[in-house]
């Protein structure tokens, strides 16, 4: 069963590769994908960069001194 399917797919692949219309369509599709990939890259490149937060930035408003009076760790 699986060998028949593989043989059928291989025959169809060979037939498609010998068809000039299919090859032209595949090249057009490849160009469209590359154009879309390039446009996606430029839109990401232009986006606002997010500043990475450091641990010092995260814990800056917190008082962790031993004299804070609330809790002892």
Protein backbone atom coordinates (compact mmCIF):
# COMPACT_ATOMS: atom_id res chain seq x y z
CA UNK A 1 0.00 0.00 0.00
CA UNK A 2 2.63 2.56 1.01
CA UNK A 3 4.93 1.57 -1.86
CA UNK A 4 2.13 2.13 -4.34
CA UNK A 5 1.55 5.59 -2.91
CA UNK A 6 5.26 6.43 -3.04
CA UNK A 7 5.48 5.26 -6.66
CA UNK A 8 2.37 7.25 -7.61
CA UNK A 9 3.71 10.41 -5.95
CA UNK A 10 7.07 9.93 -7.65
CA UNK A 11 5.43 9.58 -11.08
CA UNK A 12 3.37 12.73 -10.49
CA UNK A 13 6.47 14.61 -9.32
CA UNK A 14 8.40 13.60 -12.44
CA UNK A 15 5.47 14.61 -14.64
CA UNK A 16 5.24 18.01 -12.92
CA UNK A 17 8.98 18.64 -13.28
CA UNK A 18 8.75 18.01 -17.01
CA UNK A 19 5.89 20.52 -17.41
CA UNK A 20 7.21 24.04 -18.25
CA UNK A 21 4.01 25.68 -16.96
CA UNK A 22 4.50 24.01 -13.56
CA UNK A 23 8.15 25.13 -13.40
CA UNK A 24 7.18 28.72 -14.25
CA UNK A 25 4.46 28.66 -11.59
CA UNK A 26 6.90 27.27 -9.01
CA UNK A 27 9.43 30.02 -9.76
CA UNK A 28 6.74 32.70 -9.43
CA UNK A 29 5.68 31.18 -6.11
CA UNK A 30 9.29 31.16 -4.89
CA UNK A 31 9.67 34.86 -5.77
CA UNK A 32 6.43 35.70 -3.99
CA UNK A 33 7.61 33.91 -0.85
CA UNK A 34 10.94 35.74 -0.92
CA UNK A 35 9.20 39.09 -1.39
CA UNK A 36 6.90 38.37 1.53
CA UNK A 37 9.83 37.25 3.68
CA UNK A 38 11.70 40.47 2.88
CA UNK A 39 8.69 42.65 3.67
CA UNK A 40 8.16 40.83 6.99
CA UNK A 41 11.81 41.40 7.87
CA UNK A 42 11.65 45.13 7.18
CA UNK A 43 8.49 45.57 9.27
CA UNK A 44 10.16 43.82 12.20
CA UNK A 45 13.29 45.87 11.72
CA UNK A 46 11.33 49.12 11.98
CA UNK A 47 9.45 48.15 15.12
CA UNK A 48 10.21 49.87 18.39
CA UNK A 49 12.97 48.17 20.31
CA UNK A 50 12.02 47.02 23.78
CA UNK A 51 14.56 47.83 26.47
CA UNK A 52 15.55 44.75 28.39
CA UNK A 53 14.87 45.07 32.08
CA UNK A 54 17.62 44.20 34.50
CA UNK A 55 17.09 42.82 37.98
CA UNK A 56 18.19 46.20 39.35
CA UNK A 57 15.35 47.85 37.40
CA UNK A 58 12.81 45.33 38.66
CA UNK A 59 13.75 45.59 42.34
CA UNK A 60 14.58 49.32 42.39
CA UNK A 61 11.36 50.43 44.14
CA UNK A 62 11.64 47.69 46.77
CA UNK A 63 13.30 48.37 50.10
CA UNK A 64 15.16 45.23 51.13
CA UNK A 65 17.08 46.74 54.01
CA UNK A 66 17.01 44.84 57.31
CA UNK A 67 15.53 47.91 59.04
CA UNK A 68 12.42 48.03 56.88
CA UNK A 69 10.35 46.96 59.91
CA UNK A 70 7.81 44.79 58.12
CA UNK A 71 9.34 41.33 57.90
CA UNK A 72 12.54 39.61 58.74
CA UNK A 73 13.74 37.04 56.25
